[in-house]
N, C-alpha and C. Protein backbone atom coordinates (compact mmCIF):
# COMPACT_ATOMS: atom_id res chain seq x y z
N MET A 1 -9.94 23.02 -14.13
CA MET A 1 -11.27 21.49 -13.71
C MET A 1 -10.59 21.33 -12.14
N THR A 2 -11.10 22.63 -11.24
CA THR A 2 -11.06 22.40 -9.46
C THR A 2 -11.94 20.86 -9.08
N ASP A 3 -13.15 20.26 -9.87
CA ASP A 3 -13.20 19.50 -9.38
C ASP A 3 -12.70 17.77 -9.49
N ALA A 4 -11.75 18.57 -10.81
CA ALA A 4 -10.95 16.92 -10.53
C ALA A 4 -10.33 16.06 -9.15
N PRO A 5 -10.51 14.92 -9.24
CA PRO A 5 -9.32 14.48 -7.68
C PRO A 5 -8.13 14.81 -8.06
N VAL A 6 -7.65 14.74 -6.77
CA VAL A 6 -6.23 15.54 -6.68
C VAL A 6 -5.36 15.08 -5.90
N VAL A 7 -4.17 14.92 -6.98
CA VAL A 7 -3.43 13.69 -5.95
C VAL A 7 -1.58 14.28 -5.62
N HIS A 8 -1.25 14.24 -4.45
CA HIS A 8 -0.41 15.11 -3.77
C HIS A 8 0.31 14.65 -4.17
N VAL A 9 1.85 14.57 -4.66
CA VAL A 9 3.26 13.26 -4.97
C VAL A 9 3.95 14.24 -4.38
N VAL A 10 4.56 12.84 -3.76
CA VAL A 10 6.00 13.16 -2.40
C VAL A 10 6.85 12.55 -2.98
N ASP A 11 7.87 13.14 -3.79
CA ASP A 11 8.91 12.24 -3.82
C ASP A 11 10.26 13.38 -4.41
N ASP A 12 11.60 13.33 -3.40
CA ASP A 12 12.63 13.78 -3.70
C ASP A 12 13.24 13.29 -5.50
N ASP A 13 13.06 12.51 -6.07
CA ASP A 13 13.93 12.07 -7.49
C ASP A 13 12.55 13.39 -8.35
N GLU A 14 13.37 14.41 -8.80
CA GLU A 14 12.10 14.72 -9.96
C GLU A 14 12.51 14.51 -10.75
N SER A 15 12.84 13.52 -12.24
CA SER A 15 12.56 12.91 -13.33
C SER A 15 10.93 11.32 -12.67
N ALA A 16 11.76 11.32 -11.71
CA ALA A 16 10.00 10.19 -11.43
C ALA A 16 9.19 11.24 -10.94
N ARG A 17 9.04 12.08 -9.89
CA ARG A 17 8.02 12.82 -9.75
C ARG A 17 7.16 13.06 -10.99
N GLU A 18 8.59 13.70 -12.21
CA GLU A 18 7.55 14.58 -13.48
C GLU A 18 7.13 13.56 -13.82
N SER A 19 7.26 12.50 -14.46
CA SER A 19 6.61 11.16 -15.81
C SER A 19 5.33 10.90 -14.39
N LEU A 20 6.01 10.44 -12.79
CA LEU A 20 4.31 10.33 -12.70
C LEU A 20 3.51 11.33 -12.36
N ALA A 21 3.69 12.72 -12.39
CA ALA A 21 2.84 13.27 -12.53
C ALA A 21 2.31 13.77 -14.26
N PHE A 22 2.82 13.05 -14.96
CA PHE A 22 2.21 12.92 -16.98
C PHE A 22 1.33 11.89 -16.03
N LEU A 23 1.88 10.85 -16.09
CA LEU A 23 1.06 9.96 -15.85
C LEU A 23 -0.14 9.98 -14.93
N LEU A 24 -0.61 10.59 -14.58
CA LEU A 24 -1.51 10.86 -13.62
C LEU A 24 -2.77 11.66 -14.61
N GLU A 25 -1.53 12.82 -14.34
CA GLU A 25 -2.44 14.34 -15.87
C GLU A 25 -3.34 13.44 -17.53
N SER A 26 -2.31 12.63 -17.31
CA SER A 26 -2.93 11.74 -18.20
C SER A 26 -3.91 10.96 -18.44
N ALA A 27 -4.62 11.04 -16.73
CA ALA A 27 -5.82 10.13 -16.43
C ALA A 27 -6.45 11.13 -16.23
N ASP A 28 -6.53 12.43 -16.09
CA ASP A 28 -7.50 13.18 -16.00
C ASP A 28 -7.16 13.53 -14.19
N PHE A 29 -6.24 13.11 -13.41
CA PHE A 29 -6.02 13.40 -12.12
C PHE A 29 -5.48 15.00 -12.20
N GLU A 30 -5.62 15.67 -10.92
CA GLU A 30 -4.90 16.71 -11.09
C GLU A 30 -3.82 16.71 -9.78
N VAL A 31 -2.97 17.17 -10.28
CA VAL A 31 -1.09 16.21 -9.76
C VAL A 31 -0.68 17.79 -9.40
N VAL A 32 -0.79 17.78 -7.47
CA VAL A 32 0.18 18.83 -7.07
C VAL A 32 1.84 18.06 -6.34
N ALA A 33 2.67 18.41 -7.03
CA ALA A 33 4.05 17.61 -6.66
C ALA A 33 5.08 18.51 -5.64
N TYR A 34 5.75 17.70 -4.81
CA TYR A 34 6.60 18.13 -3.83
C TYR A 34 7.53 17.82 -3.26
N ALA A 35 8.53 18.04 -3.95
CA ALA A 35 10.35 17.50 -3.52
C ALA A 35 10.50 16.85 -2.08
N SER A 36 10.44 17.12 -1.56
CA SER A 36 10.29 16.46 0.34
C SER A 36 8.86 16.85 1.08
N ALA A 37 8.96 15.71 1.41
CA ALA A 37 8.40 15.55 2.69
C ALA A 37 7.57 16.49 3.19
N PRO A 38 8.80 17.23 3.95
CA PRO A 38 9.09 18.79 5.00
C PRO A 38 7.89 19.60 3.50
N ALA A 39 8.31 20.17 2.57
CA ALA A 39 7.38 20.65 1.45
C ALA A 39 5.48 20.18 1.43
N PHE A 40 5.39 18.98 1.65
CA PHE A 40 4.81 18.42 1.75
C PHE A 40 3.79 19.29 2.65
N LEU A 41 3.85 18.88 4.01
CA LEU A 41 4.11 19.30 5.31
C LEU A 41 3.29 21.00 5.55
N ASP A 42 4.44 21.77 4.80
CA ASP A 42 3.74 22.99 4.78
C ASP A 42 3.27 23.45 4.36
N ALA A 43 2.71 22.37 3.01
CA ALA A 43 1.49 23.34 1.94
C ALA A 43 0.47 22.31 3.00
N LEU A 44 0.28 21.81 3.64
CA LEU A 44 -0.85 21.26 3.84
C LEU A 44 -1.86 22.20 4.90
N PRO A 45 -1.51 22.96 4.99
CA PRO A 45 -2.98 23.94 5.65
C PRO A 45 -3.73 24.05 4.68
N GLN A 46 -3.55 24.43 3.20
CA GLN A 46 -3.93 25.33 2.01
C GLN A 46 -4.25 23.36 1.18
N ALA A 47 -3.35 22.69 0.87
CA ALA A 47 -4.19 21.51 0.07
C ALA A 47 -5.51 21.42 0.36
N ARG A 48 -6.00 20.68 -1.06
CA ARG A 48 -7.31 20.90 -1.05
C ARG A 48 -7.07 19.12 -0.80
N PRO A 49 -8.00 18.46 -0.43
CA PRO A 49 -8.23 17.09 -0.04
C PRO A 49 -8.00 16.15 -1.36
N GLY A 50 -7.22 14.26 -1.12
CA GLY A 50 -7.67 13.91 -2.49
C GLY A 50 -6.23 13.01 -1.68
N VAL A 51 -5.83 12.56 -2.63
CA VAL A 51 -4.80 11.02 -2.39
C VAL A 51 -3.11 11.78 -2.16
N VAL A 52 -2.24 11.10 -1.45
CA VAL A 52 -0.76 11.66 -1.01
C VAL A 52 -0.25 9.78 -1.56
N ILE A 53 0.90 10.19 -2.61
CA ILE A 53 1.72 9.36 -2.92
C ILE A 53 3.14 9.59 -2.75
N THR A 54 3.28 8.92 -1.81
CA THR A 54 4.79 8.92 -1.77
C THR A 54 6.17 8.47 -1.47
N ASP A 55 7.11 8.94 -1.85
CA ASP A 55 7.91 7.79 -1.99
C ASP A 55 9.00 7.78 -0.85
N VAL A 56 9.34 6.42 -0.29
CA VAL A 56 10.08 5.54 1.09
C VAL A 56 10.85 6.26 1.01
N ARG A 57 11.98 6.09 0.29
CA ARG A 57 13.74 6.79 0.70
C ARG A 57 13.22 7.79 0.30
N MET A 58 13.42 9.11 1.49
CA MET A 58 13.79 10.30 0.69
C MET A 58 15.00 11.19 1.59
N PRO A 59 15.86 11.56 1.62
CA PRO A 59 17.12 12.55 1.99
C PRO A 59 16.17 12.88 3.56
N GLU A 60 15.57 13.85 3.61
CA GLU A 60 14.43 15.01 4.91
C GLU A 60 14.50 13.63 5.66
N MET A 61 13.21 13.57 5.34
CA MET A 61 11.78 12.68 6.21
C MET A 61 11.68 11.85 4.81
N SER A 62 11.18 10.60 5.66
CA SER A 62 11.12 9.17 4.84
C SER A 62 9.35 9.03 4.94
N GLY A 63 9.44 8.27 3.65
CA GLY A 63 7.93 8.20 3.63
C GLY A 63 7.51 7.82 4.68
N GLN A 64 8.31 6.57 5.24
CA GLN A 64 7.18 5.89 6.80
C GLN A 64 6.81 7.09 7.61
N ASP A 65 8.30 8.34 7.49
CA ASP A 65 7.96 9.36 9.01
C ASP A 65 6.96 10.74 8.73
N LEU A 66 6.67 10.45 7.06
CA LEU A 66 5.92 11.47 6.76
C LEU A 66 4.52 10.25 6.76
N VAL A 67 4.19 9.92 6.43
CA VAL A 67 3.09 8.35 7.29
C VAL A 67 2.54 8.75 8.68
N ALA A 68 3.01 8.43 9.09
CA ALA A 68 3.35 8.83 11.07
C ALA A 68 2.56 10.27 11.41
N ARG A 69 3.81 11.07 10.43
CA ARG A 69 3.04 12.72 10.88
C ARG A 69 2.04 12.81 10.22
N LEU A 70 1.58 12.96 9.16
CA LEU A 70 0.27 13.05 9.11
C LEU A 70 -1.19 12.10 9.74
N SER A 71 -0.24 10.83 10.24
CA SER A 71 -1.39 10.51 11.14
C SER A 71 -1.62 11.04 12.28
N ALA A 72 -0.74 11.37 12.82
CA ALA A 72 -0.43 12.16 14.18
C ALA A 72 -1.25 14.20 14.13
N LEU A 73 -1.07 14.05 13.62
CA LEU A 73 -1.71 15.67 12.61
C LEU A 73 -3.60 15.17 12.29
N LYS A 74 -3.83 13.59 12.52
CA LYS A 74 -4.84 13.57 12.23
C LYS A 74 -5.39 13.96 10.55
N VAL A 75 -4.49 13.89 9.74
CA VAL A 75 -4.97 14.14 8.43
C VAL A 75 -5.52 12.78 7.73
N LYS A 76 -6.51 12.85 7.20
CA LYS A 76 -7.53 11.52 6.71
C LYS A 76 -7.31 11.21 5.04
N MET A 77 -6.31 12.05 4.61
CA MET A 77 -5.92 11.30 2.86
C MET A 77 -5.74 10.02 3.10
N PRO A 78 -6.11 9.02 2.11
CA PRO A 78 -5.08 7.83 1.92
C PRO A 78 -4.33 8.10 1.78
N ILE A 79 -3.13 6.85 1.70
CA ILE A 79 -1.99 6.93 0.91
C ILE A 79 -1.46 5.90 0.19
N VAL A 80 -0.64 6.43 -0.98
CA VAL A 80 -0.06 4.79 -1.15
C VAL A 80 0.74 5.53 -0.86
N MET A 81 1.99 4.81 -1.13
CA MET A 81 3.91 4.10 -0.76
C MET A 81 4.59 3.42 -1.79
N ILE A 82 5.49 4.04 -2.80
CA ILE A 82 6.09 3.60 -3.50
C ILE A 82 8.00 3.45 -3.23
N THR A 83 7.97 2.95 -3.81
CA THR A 83 9.53 2.20 -3.25
C THR A 83 10.18 1.43 -4.24
N GLY A 84 11.60 1.39 -4.61
CA GLY A 84 12.32 0.63 -5.65
C GLY A 84 13.33 0.15 -4.62
N HIS A 85 12.98 -0.39 -3.37
CA HIS A 85 13.74 -1.09 -2.44
C HIS A 85 12.76 -1.93 -1.65
N GLY A 86 11.88 -2.40 -2.18
CA GLY A 86 10.61 -3.23 -1.61
C GLY A 86 10.80 -4.38 -0.52
N ASP A 87 10.52 -4.36 0.47
CA ASP A 87 10.74 -5.79 0.89
C ASP A 87 9.51 -6.62 1.33
N ILE A 88 8.62 -7.52 2.27
CA ILE A 88 7.81 -7.54 2.83
C ILE A 88 7.62 -6.95 4.57
N PRO A 89 8.64 -7.08 5.11
CA PRO A 89 8.57 -6.21 6.51
C PRO A 89 8.19 -4.81 6.27
N MET A 90 9.00 -4.17 5.16
CA MET A 90 8.75 -3.18 5.03
C MET A 90 7.21 -2.78 4.36
N ALA A 91 6.59 -3.89 3.69
CA ALA A 91 5.43 -3.79 3.14
C ALA A 91 4.38 -3.69 4.46
N VAL A 92 4.36 -4.90 4.91
CA VAL A 92 3.17 -4.97 6.25
C VAL A 92 3.68 -3.75 7.09
N GLU A 93 4.56 -3.40 7.71
CA GLU A 93 4.64 -1.92 8.37
C GLU A 93 3.74 -0.82 7.42
N ALA A 94 3.60 -0.83 6.35
CA ALA A 94 3.47 0.08 5.37
C ALA A 94 2.03 0.12 5.56
N MET A 95 1.52 -1.27 5.28
CA MET A 95 -0.32 -1.42 5.78
C MET A 95 -0.24 -1.35 7.02
N ARG A 96 0.00 -1.13 7.52
CA ARG A 96 -0.16 -1.52 9.77
C ARG A 96 -0.10 -0.09 9.79
N SER A 97 0.69 0.92 9.67
CA SER A 97 0.40 1.40 10.00
C SER A 97 -0.70 3.05 8.81
N GLY A 98 -1.90 2.46 7.91
CA GLY A 98 -2.65 2.85 6.97
C GLY A 98 -2.84 3.22 5.70
N VAL A 99 -1.64 2.73 5.62
CA VAL A 99 -1.26 2.87 3.66
C VAL A 99 -2.17 1.90 3.12
N ILE A 100 -2.93 2.87 2.17
CA ILE A 100 -3.80 2.28 1.02
C ILE A 100 -3.14 0.95 0.26
N ASP A 101 -1.96 1.24 -0.41
CA ASP A 101 -1.28 0.07 -1.36
C ASP A 101 0.43 0.49 -1.05
N PHE A 102 0.84 -0.24 -1.37
CA PHE A 102 2.35 -0.09 -1.42
C PHE A 102 2.82 -1.20 -2.97
N LEU A 103 3.56 0.26 -3.61
CA LEU A 103 4.23 -0.44 -5.15
C LEU A 103 5.23 -0.68 -4.77
N GLU A 104 5.72 -1.50 -5.70
CA GLU A 104 7.15 -1.27 -6.10
C GLU A 104 8.04 -1.20 -7.48
N LYS A 105 8.25 -0.61 -7.01
CA LYS A 105 9.32 0.97 -8.59
C LYS A 105 10.04 -0.84 -9.77
N PRO A 106 9.92 -0.95 -10.69
CA PRO A 106 8.88 -0.41 -11.08
C PRO A 106 7.75 -1.15 -11.34
N PHE A 107 6.73 -0.30 -11.58
CA PHE A 107 5.56 -0.59 -11.50
C PHE A 107 4.60 0.08 -12.53
N SER A 108 3.63 -1.09 -13.49
CA SER A 108 3.48 -0.95 -14.15
C SER A 108 1.68 0.54 -14.49
N GLU A 109 1.96 1.32 -15.21
CA GLU A 109 0.74 2.64 -15.41
C GLU A 109 -1.02 1.81 -14.38
N SER A 110 -1.40 0.47 -14.97
CA SER A 110 -2.23 0.01 -14.62
C SER A 110 -2.52 0.20 -12.85
N ARG A 111 -1.29 -0.55 -12.27
CA ARG A 111 -0.92 -0.73 -10.65
C ARG A 111 -1.20 0.15 -10.22
N MET A 112 -0.52 1.17 -10.17
CA MET A 112 -0.54 2.37 -10.01
C MET A 112 -1.81 3.58 -9.83
N LEU A 113 -2.63 3.34 -10.73
CA LEU A 113 -4.17 3.42 -11.52
C LEU A 113 -5.44 2.80 -11.12
N ASP A 114 -5.14 1.01 -10.56
CA ASP A 114 -5.76 1.00 -9.56
C ASP A 114 -5.62 0.98 -8.01
N ALA A 115 -4.27 1.51 -7.54
CA ALA A 115 -4.19 1.64 -6.15
C ALA A 115 -4.97 2.70 -5.60
N LEU A 116 -5.27 4.20 -7.13
CA LEU A 116 -5.65 5.09 -6.44
C LEU A 116 -6.96 5.00 -6.54
N LYS A 117 -7.26 4.11 -7.51
CA LYS A 117 -9.21 4.39 -7.93
C LYS A 117 -9.65 3.59 -6.04
N ARG A 118 -8.54 2.52 -5.69
CA ARG A 118 -8.86 2.03 -4.66
C ARG A 118 -8.65 3.12 -3.47
N ALA A 119 -7.60 3.99 -2.84
CA ALA A 119 -7.71 4.90 -2.23
C ALA A 119 -8.56 6.02 -2.69
N PHE A 120 -9.21 6.40 -3.85
CA PHE A 120 -10.52 7.35 -3.50
C PHE A 120 -11.70 7.01 -3.39
N ALA A 121 -11.77 5.90 -3.51
CA ALA A 121 -13.12 5.17 -3.02
C ALA A 121 -13.16 4.60 -1.68
N THR A 122 -11.60 4.64 -1.04
CA THR A 122 -11.80 4.94 0.55
C THR A 122 -12.46 6.49 1.11
N VAL A 123 -12.17 7.06 -0.04
CA VAL A 123 -12.44 8.54 0.73
C VAL A 123 -13.71 9.04 0.70
N GLU A 124 -14.99 8.31 -0.24
CA GLU A 124 -16.22 8.38 -0.75
C GLU A 124 -16.67 7.60 0.15
N ALA A 125 -16.41 5.92 0.48
CA ALA A 125 -17.16 4.60 1.02
C ALA A 125 -16.03 4.41 2.27
N ALA A 126 -17.51 3.97 3.55
CA ALA A 126 -16.80 3.11 4.78
C ALA A 126 -16.42 1.49 4.06
N PRO A 127 -15.77 0.90 4.58
CA PRO A 127 -16.25 -0.56 4.09
C PRO A 127 -16.80 -1.07 4.77
N VAL A 128 -17.48 -2.03 3.49
CA VAL A 128 -18.73 -3.13 3.90
C VAL A 128 -18.80 -3.92 4.48
N SER A 129 -18.98 -4.27 5.54
CA SER A 129 -19.37 -5.37 6.41
C SER A 129 -19.18 -6.77 5.47
N ASP A 130 -20.34 -6.51 4.31
CA ASP A 130 -20.46 -7.29 3.78
C ASP A 130 -19.13 -8.51 2.47
N ASP A 131 -18.51 -7.58 2.39
CA ASP A 131 -16.39 -7.48 2.12
C ASP A 131 -15.50 -8.25 2.93
N GLN A 132 -15.87 -7.93 4.34
CA GLN A 132 -15.32 -8.65 5.45
C GLN A 132 -15.65 -10.28 5.65
N GLN A 133 -17.08 -10.84 5.20
CA GLN A 133 -17.69 -11.94 4.83
C GLN A 133 -17.10 -12.10 4.61
N VAL A 134 -17.16 -11.76 3.11
CA VAL A 134 -15.92 -12.69 2.52
C VAL A 134 -14.56 -13.25 1.98
N ILE A 135 -13.84 -12.32 2.96
CA ILE A 135 -12.95 -12.33 2.99
C ILE A 135 -12.77 -13.51 3.74
N LEU A 136 -12.88 -13.91 5.11
CA LEU A 136 -13.42 -14.73 6.50
C LEU A 136 -13.53 -16.09 5.20
N LYS A 137 -14.46 -16.20 4.89
CA LYS A 137 -14.61 -17.43 3.63
C LYS A 137 -13.45 -18.26 3.10
N ARG A 138 -13.02 -17.31 2.42
CA ARG A 138 -12.08 -17.42 1.65
C ARG A 138 -10.66 -17.49 3.04
N ILE A 139 -10.44 -16.88 4.06
CA ILE A 139 -9.18 -17.48 4.83
C ILE A 139 -9.55 -18.78 5.50
N GLU A 140 -11.21 -19.43 5.45
CA GLU A 140 -11.55 -20.35 6.33
C GLU A 140 -11.30 -21.48 4.74
N SER A 141 -11.26 -20.53 3.28
CA SER A 141 -11.06 -22.27 2.38
C SER A 141 -9.63 -23.04 2.26
N LEU A 142 -8.72 -21.81 3.94
CA LEU A 142 -7.12 -21.70 2.79
C LEU A 142 -6.57 -23.55 4.07
N SER A 143 -5.68 -24.11 3.44
CA SER A 143 -4.94 -25.37 4.39
C SER A 143 -4.78 -24.82 5.56
N GLU A 144 -4.39 -26.08 6.44
CA GLU A 144 -3.63 -25.15 7.82
C GLU A 144 -2.63 -24.47 7.72
N ARG A 145 -1.44 -25.52 6.42
CA ARG A 145 -0.01 -24.80 6.16
C ARG A 145 -0.19 -23.73 5.50
N GLU A 146 -1.20 -23.12 4.45
CA GLU A 146 -1.26 -22.50 4.22
C GLU A 146 -2.12 -20.95 4.84
N ARG A 147 -2.12 -21.16 5.80
CA ARG A 147 -2.95 -20.22 6.81
C ARG A 147 -1.01 -19.76 7.42
N GLN A 148 -1.01 -21.16 7.95
CA GLN A 148 0.56 -20.78 8.77
C GLN A 148 1.03 -19.40 8.10
N VAL A 149 2.14 -20.04 6.31
CA VAL A 149 2.49 -18.88 5.88
C VAL A 149 1.72 -18.23 5.98
N LEU A 150 -0.11 -18.21 5.71
CA LEU A 150 -0.39 -16.36 5.96
C LEU A 150 -0.38 -15.48 6.66
N ASP A 151 0.09 -16.18 8.19
CA ASP A 151 0.37 -15.44 9.06
C ASP A 151 1.67 -14.92 9.08
N GLY A 152 2.63 -15.82 8.55
CA GLY A 152 3.49 -15.66 8.33
C GLY A 152 4.22 -13.76 7.65
N VAL A 153 3.43 -14.19 6.36
CA VAL A 153 3.58 -12.94 5.34
C VAL A 153 2.63 -11.72 6.19
N VAL A 154 1.61 -11.71 6.97
CA VAL A 154 0.68 -10.44 8.20
C VAL A 154 2.02 -10.53 8.54
N ALA A 155 2.81 -11.39 9.53
CA ALA A 155 3.91 -10.44 10.54
C ALA A 155 4.00 -10.18 10.16
N GLY A 156 5.02 -10.13 9.09
CA GLY A 156 6.01 -9.52 8.38
C GLY A 156 7.15 -9.89 7.96
N HIS A 157 7.27 -11.32 8.16
CA HIS A 157 8.76 -12.39 7.76
C HIS A 157 9.08 -12.57 5.92
N ALA A 158 10.00 -12.77 6.37
CA ALA A 158 10.37 -12.82 4.69
C ALA A 158 10.40 -14.37 4.62
N ASN A 159 9.88 -14.89 3.30
CA ASN A 159 10.11 -16.27 3.21
C ASN A 159 11.28 -17.20 3.75
N LYS A 160 12.39 -17.13 3.83
CA LYS A 160 13.18 -17.65 4.44
C LYS A 160 12.77 -17.87 6.10
N VAL A 161 12.78 -16.83 5.80
CA VAL A 161 12.35 -16.73 8.40
C VAL A 161 10.92 -17.31 8.45
N ILE A 162 10.54 -17.90 7.41
CA ILE A 162 8.78 -18.43 7.63
C ILE A 162 9.31 -19.57 7.37
N ALA A 163 10.17 -20.12 6.37
CA ALA A 163 10.77 -21.85 6.11
C ALA A 163 11.04 -22.08 7.08
N ARG A 164 12.41 -21.41 7.95
CA ARG A 164 12.39 -21.81 9.26
C ARG A 164 11.78 -22.17 9.86
N ASP A 165 10.94 -21.27 10.27
CA ASP A 165 9.78 -21.39 11.57
C ASP A 165 9.25 -22.51 11.58
N LEU A 166 8.58 -22.94 9.60
CA LEU A 166 7.80 -24.12 10.12
C LEU A 166 8.22 -25.25 9.63
N GLY A 167 9.84 -25.07 9.32
CA GLY A 167 10.78 -26.38 9.46
C GLY A 167 10.46 -26.51 7.78
N ILE A 168 10.34 -25.61 6.63
CA ILE A 168 10.07 -26.56 5.31
C ILE A 168 11.20 -25.65 3.74
N SER A 169 10.87 -25.55 3.01
CA SER A 169 12.25 -25.08 2.32
C SER A 169 11.70 -23.79 1.59
N PRO A 170 12.30 -22.12 1.51
CA PRO A 170 11.74 -21.70 1.11
C PRO A 170 11.14 -21.32 -0.31
N ARG A 171 11.85 -22.47 -0.97
CA ARG A 171 11.17 -22.15 -2.39
C ARG A 171 8.79 -23.37 -1.77
N THR A 172 9.24 -24.01 -0.92
CA THR A 172 7.80 -24.43 -0.42
C THR A 172 6.83 -23.16 -0.18
N VAL A 173 7.80 -22.62 0.45
CA VAL A 173 6.43 -21.31 1.25
C VAL A 173 6.55 -20.05 0.01
N GLU A 174 7.08 -20.43 -1.07
CA GLU A 174 7.07 -19.80 -2.38
C GLU A 174 5.90 -20.14 -2.98
N ILE A 175 5.27 -21.38 -2.88
CA ILE A 175 4.48 -22.73 -4.17
C ILE A 175 2.94 -22.31 -2.86
N TYR A 176 3.14 -22.17 -1.44
CA TYR A 176 1.79 -22.41 -0.03
C TYR A 176 1.54 -21.08 -0.69
N ARG A 177 2.55 -19.77 -0.78
CA ARG A 177 2.26 -18.41 -1.04
C ARG A 177 1.54 -17.94 -2.18
N ALA A 178 2.00 -18.75 -3.41
CA ALA A 178 1.12 -18.92 -4.66
C ALA A 178 -0.26 -19.14 -4.33
N LYS A 179 -0.07 -20.72 -3.68
CA LYS A 179 -1.60 -21.13 -3.60
C LYS A 179 -2.73 -19.84 -3.03
N LEU A 180 -2.15 -19.26 -2.12
CA LEU A 180 -3.29 -18.74 -0.90
C LEU A 180 -3.82 -17.37 -1.37
N MET A 181 -2.89 -16.84 -2.23
CA MET A 181 -2.89 -15.39 -2.68
C MET A 181 -4.03 -16.21 -4.09
N THR A 182 -4.28 -17.33 -4.47
CA THR A 182 -4.60 -17.58 -5.34
C THR A 182 -6.47 -17.87 -5.23
N LYS A 183 -6.39 -17.93 -3.92
CA LYS A 183 -7.31 -18.60 -2.89
C LYS A 183 -8.24 -17.35 -2.30
N MET A 184 -7.37 -16.57 -2.43
CA MET A 184 -7.65 -15.21 -1.10
C MET A 184 -7.71 -13.97 -2.59
N GLN A 185 -7.32 -14.28 -3.84
CA GLN A 185 -7.76 -14.02 -4.87
C GLN A 185 -7.57 -12.09 -4.84
N ALA A 186 -6.06 -12.57 -4.21
CA ALA A 186 -5.08 -11.12 -3.85
C ALA A 186 -4.60 -11.22 -5.50
N ASP A 187 -4.11 -10.17 -5.87
CA ASP A 187 -3.05 -10.09 -7.23
C ASP A 187 -1.60 -9.50 -6.52
N ASN A 188 -1.22 -9.17 -5.85
CA ASN A 188 -0.46 -8.62 -5.38
C ASN A 188 0.03 -8.82 -3.47
N LEU A 189 1.02 -8.63 -2.78
CA LEU A 189 0.96 -8.89 -1.54
C LEU A 189 0.40 -7.90 -0.76
N ALA A 190 0.46 -6.10 -1.05
CA ALA A 190 -0.45 -5.66 -0.55
C ALA A 190 -1.74 -5.91 -0.39
N ALA A 191 -2.21 -6.12 -1.22
CA ALA A 191 -3.66 -7.24 -1.41
C ALA A 191 -4.15 -7.59 0.02
N LEU A 192 -3.26 -8.69 -0.40
CA LEU A 192 -3.01 -10.09 0.78
C LEU A 192 -3.52 -9.39 2.04
N VAL A 193 -1.75 -8.99 2.73
CA VAL A 193 -1.91 -7.68 3.42
C VAL A 193 -3.14 -6.86 4.07
N ARG A 194 -3.59 -6.15 3.31
CA ARG A 194 -5.14 -5.55 3.34
C ARG A 194 -6.06 -6.35 3.82
N MET A 195 -6.53 -7.04 2.97
CA MET A 195 -7.47 -7.78 3.72
C MET A 195 -8.00 -8.46 4.80
N THR A 196 -6.41 -9.82 4.61
CA THR A 196 -6.33 -9.92 6.01
C THR A 196 -6.00 -9.31 7.52
N LEU A 197 -5.81 -7.59 6.93
CA LEU A 197 -5.59 -6.82 8.32
C LEU A 197 -7.53 -6.18 8.97
N SER A 198 -7.75 -6.52 7.89
CA SER A 198 -9.28 -5.98 7.52
C SER A 198 -10.05 -6.67 8.83
N VAL A 199 -10.00 -7.88 8.83
CA VAL A 199 -10.80 -9.00 9.35
C VAL A 199 -10.05 -9.28 10.66
N ARG A 200 -9.18 -9.16 10.45
CA ARG A 200 -8.27 -9.29 11.80
C ARG A 200 -7.79 -8.05 12.52
N GLY A 201 -7.85 -6.91 11.94
CA GLY A 201 -7.69 -6.10 12.65
C GLY A 201 -6.27 -5.90 12.79
N GLY A 202 -5.50 -4.48 13.07
CA GLY A 202 -3.89 -4.02 12.76
C GLY A 202 -3.59 -5.02 13.76
């Protein structure tokens, strides 16, 4: 299956690596797995183009360091980042550095496959400007308070920091965040950040 889409999985956890490879192979992806970021970088000159899935926390080189190294090397492969210890600032930093999606473990099979579908779509096509018009209209539909909460989220602030800045409770921030995600038609934080950055710039 040399024409099959290739997914490069970088994760130091052997069981996580194997279970992810099994999931992806079941969905007809060709998988090449690496036990560390340096191992992937060593194999890079011979690696076939595809999508990279990398864990964040790894002993020799973190997922963020790998993303930075690939960027410096001008490697154009889309990257999906996974973590068992996600937080808002980390997700925003990842999206700003060009990561296509940011998944917190445990993630569903459909969530991972959706992220990969989006990643492979970016390989095949440039973003369409019509999409940006749609996103701008959604942002315009937000109330002033919802927009303030959105700004805080995209800046990488946790709910309690946004709450303190706006003089409201963290619970109220959660309510506004849920409302604005519905209005923006974002089913997760990564999608919300990606949409907003696409029209505002990184």
